[in-house]
């Protein structure tokens, strides 16, 4: 979650970074605007339903998952609505 600051990265670099996220076991992503449009598009294509649209005012509530032994997003709420 956050700004990955990859807007000037090449497609091959972005693909490698996304693959690295998968290899590290990252199963949900929420890149913000400063990640760059192409970066967010590629992450969304790779992660599909595990991609979280984030931005100013977004609140993500986490809950603990015993199966994964980590926190997982329970719900995403836009507090600006």
C-alpha atoms as a PDB file:
ATOM      1  CA  UNK A   1       0.000   0.000   0.000  1.00  0.00           C
ATOM      2  CA  UNK A   2       1.329   3.392  -0.875  1.00  0.00           C
ATOM      3  CA  UNK A   3       3.143   5.317  -3.528  1.00  0.00           C
ATOM      4  CA  UNK A   4       5.638   3.106  -5.289  1.00  0.00           C
ATOM      5  CA  UNK A   5       7.062   6.082  -7.272  1.00  0.00           C
ATOM      6  CA  UNK A   6       7.539   4.038 -10.432  1.00  0.00           C
ATOM      7  CA  UNK A   7       6.100   6.409 -13.056  1.00  0.00           C
ATOM      8  CA  UNK A   8       9.437   6.662 -14.887  1.00  0.00           C
ATOM      9  CA  UNK A   9      10.101   2.908 -14.844  1.00  0.00           C
ATOM     10  CA  UNK A  10      10.303   0.840 -18.013  1.00  0.00           C
ATOM     11  CA  UNK A  11       7.734  -1.875 -18.716  1.00  0.00           C
ATOM     12  CA  UNK A  12      10.377  -4.564 -18.172  1.00  0.00           C
ATOM     13  CA  UNK A  13      11.262  -3.059 -14.788  1.00  0.00           C
ATOM     14  CA  UNK A  14       7.604  -2.914 -13.735  1.00  0.00           C
ATOM     15  CA  UNK A  15       7.086  -6.533 -14.770  1.00  0.00           C
ATOM     16  CA  UNK A  16      10.080  -7.565 -12.673  1.00  0.00           C
ATOM     17  CA  UNK A  17       8.848  -5.585  -9.675  1.00  0.00           C
ATOM     18  CA  UNK A  18       5.388  -7.143  -9.897  1.00  0.00           C
ATOM     19  CA  UNK A  19       6.962 -10.600 -10.152  1.00  0.00           C
ATOM     20  CA  UNK A  20       9.053  -9.759  -7.094  1.00  0.00           C
ATOM     21  CA  UNK A  21       5.922  -8.825  -5.157  1.00  0.00           C
ATOM     22  CA  UNK A  22       4.423 -12.217  -6.046  1.00  0.00           C
ATOM     23  CA  UNK A  23       7.607 -14.045  -5.058  1.00  0.00           C
ATOM     24  CA  UNK A  24       7.592 -12.286  -1.671  1.00  0.00           C
ATOM     25  CA  UNK A  25       4.023 -13.471  -1.095  1.00  0.00           C
ATOM     26  CA  UNK A  26       2.296 -10.115  -1.470  1.00  0.00           C
ATOM     27  CA  UNK A  27      -1.324 -11.058  -2.176  1.00  0.00           C
ATOM     28  CA  UNK A  28      -3.045  -7.651  -2.017  1.00  0.00           C
ATOM     29  CA  UNK A  29      -1.796  -4.344  -3.439  1.00  0.00           C
ATOM     30  CA  UNK A  30      -3.009  -0.765  -3.214  1.00  0.00           C
ATOM     31  CA  UNK A  31      -0.687   1.520  -5.194  1.00  0.00           C
ATOM     32  CA  UNK A  32      -1.560   5.218  -5.021  1.00  0.00           C
ATOM     33  CA  UNK A  33      -1.420   7.904  -7.713  1.00  0.00           C
ATOM     34  CA  UNK A  34       2.328   8.575  -7.435  1.00  0.00           C
ATOM     35  CA  UNK A  35       2.994   4.984  -8.485  1.00  0.00           C
ATOM     36  CA  UNK A  36       2.163   6.049 -12.037  1.00  0.00           C
ATOM     37  CA  UNK A  37      -0.734   5.119 -14.302  1.00  0.00           C
ATOM     38  CA  UNK A  38       1.082   2.315 -16.151  1.00  0.00           C
ATOM     39  CA  UNK A  39       2.269   0.810 -12.867  1.00  0.00           C
ATOM     40  CA  UNK A  40      -1.254   0.803 -11.445  1.00  0.00           C
ATOM     41  CA  UNK A  41      -2.655  -0.700 -14.665  1.00  0.00           C
ATOM     42  CA  UNK A  42      -0.136  -3.551 -14.584  1.00  0.00           C
ATOM     43  CA  UNK A  43      -0.676  -4.264 -10.891  1.00  0.00           C
ATOM     44  CA  UNK A  44      -4.442  -4.294 -11.438  1.00  0.00           C
ATOM     45  CA  UNK A  45      -4.080  -6.680 -14.388  1.00  0.00           C
ATOM     46  CA  UNK A  46      -1.867  -9.034 -12.350  1.00  0.00           C
ATOM     47  CA  UNK A  47      -3.733  -8.884  -9.027  1.00  0.00           C
ATOM     48  CA  UNK A  48      -7.309  -8.531 -10.365  1.00  0.00           C
ATOM     49  CA  UNK A  49      -9.693  -8.913  -7.377  1.00  0.00           C
ATOM     50  CA  UNK A  50      -6.716  -8.542  -5.022  1.00  0.00           C
ATOM     51  CA  UNK A  51      -6.002  -5.047  -6.370  1.00  0.00           C
ATOM     52  CA  UNK A  52      -7.340  -2.291  -4.113  1.00  0.00           C
ATOM     53  CA  UNK A  53      -8.150   1.095  -5.664  1.00  0.00           C
ATOM     54  CA  UNK A  54      -6.680   3.547  -3.184  1.00  0.00           C
ATOM     55  CA  UNK A  55      -6.544   7.273  -2.789  1.00  0.00           C
ATOM     56  CA  UNK A  56      -7.095  10.195  -0.487  1.00  0.00           C
ATOM     57  CA  UNK A  57      -9.861   9.470   2.004  1.00  0.00           C
ATOM     58  CA  UNK A  58      -9.692   5.693   1.538  1.00  0.00           C
ATOM     59  CA  UNK A  59      -9.892   3.702   4.735  1.00  0.00           C
ATOM     60  CA  UNK A  60      -8.870   0.059   4.669  1.00  0.00           C
ATOM     61  CA  UNK A  61      -9.960  -2.067   7.641  1.00  0.00           C
ATOM     62  CA  UNK A  62      -7.792  -5.124   8.297  1.00  0.00           C
ATOM     63  CA  UNK A  63      -8.640  -8.371  10.024  1.00  0.00           C
ATOM     64  CA  UNK A  64      -6.388 -11.244  11.076  1.00  0.00           C
ATOM     65  CA  UNK A  65      -6.335 -14.375   8.911  1.00  0.00           C
ATOM     66  CA  UNK A  66      -5.152 -17.476  10.839  1.00  0.00           C
ATOM     67  CA  UNK A  67      -4.684 -19.376   7.552  1.00  0.00           C
ATOM     68  CA  UNK A  68      -2.213 -16.782   6.254  1.00  0.00           C
ATOM     69  CA  UNK A  69      -1.008 -15.716   9.720  1.00  0.00           C
ATOM     70  CA  UNK A  70      -1.272 -12.086   8.698  1.00  0.00           C
ATOM     71  CA  UNK A  71      -3.699  -9.201   8.388  1.00  0.00           C
ATOM     72  CA  UNK A  72      -5.943  -9.063   5.358  1.00  0.00           C
ATOM     73  CA  UNK A  73      -8.231  -6.275   4.145  1.00  0.00           C
ATOM     74  CA  UNK A  74     -11.665  -6.805   5.610  1.00  0.00           C
ATOM     75  CA  UNK A  75     -13.316  -3.938   3.773  1.00  0.00           C
ATOM     76  CA  UNK A  76     -12.486  -0.743   1.946  1.00  0.00           C
ATOM     77  CA  UNK A  77     -14.500   2.312   2.761  1.00  0.00           C
ATOM     78  CA  UNK A  78     -14.335   5.704   1.057  1.00  0.00           C
ATOM     79  CA  UNK A  79     -14.744   8.248   3.818  1.00  0.00           C
ATOM     80  CA  UNK A  80     -15.227  11.082   1.319  1.00  0.00           C
ATOM     81  CA  UNK A  81     -18.579   9.751   0.082  1.00  0.00           C
END
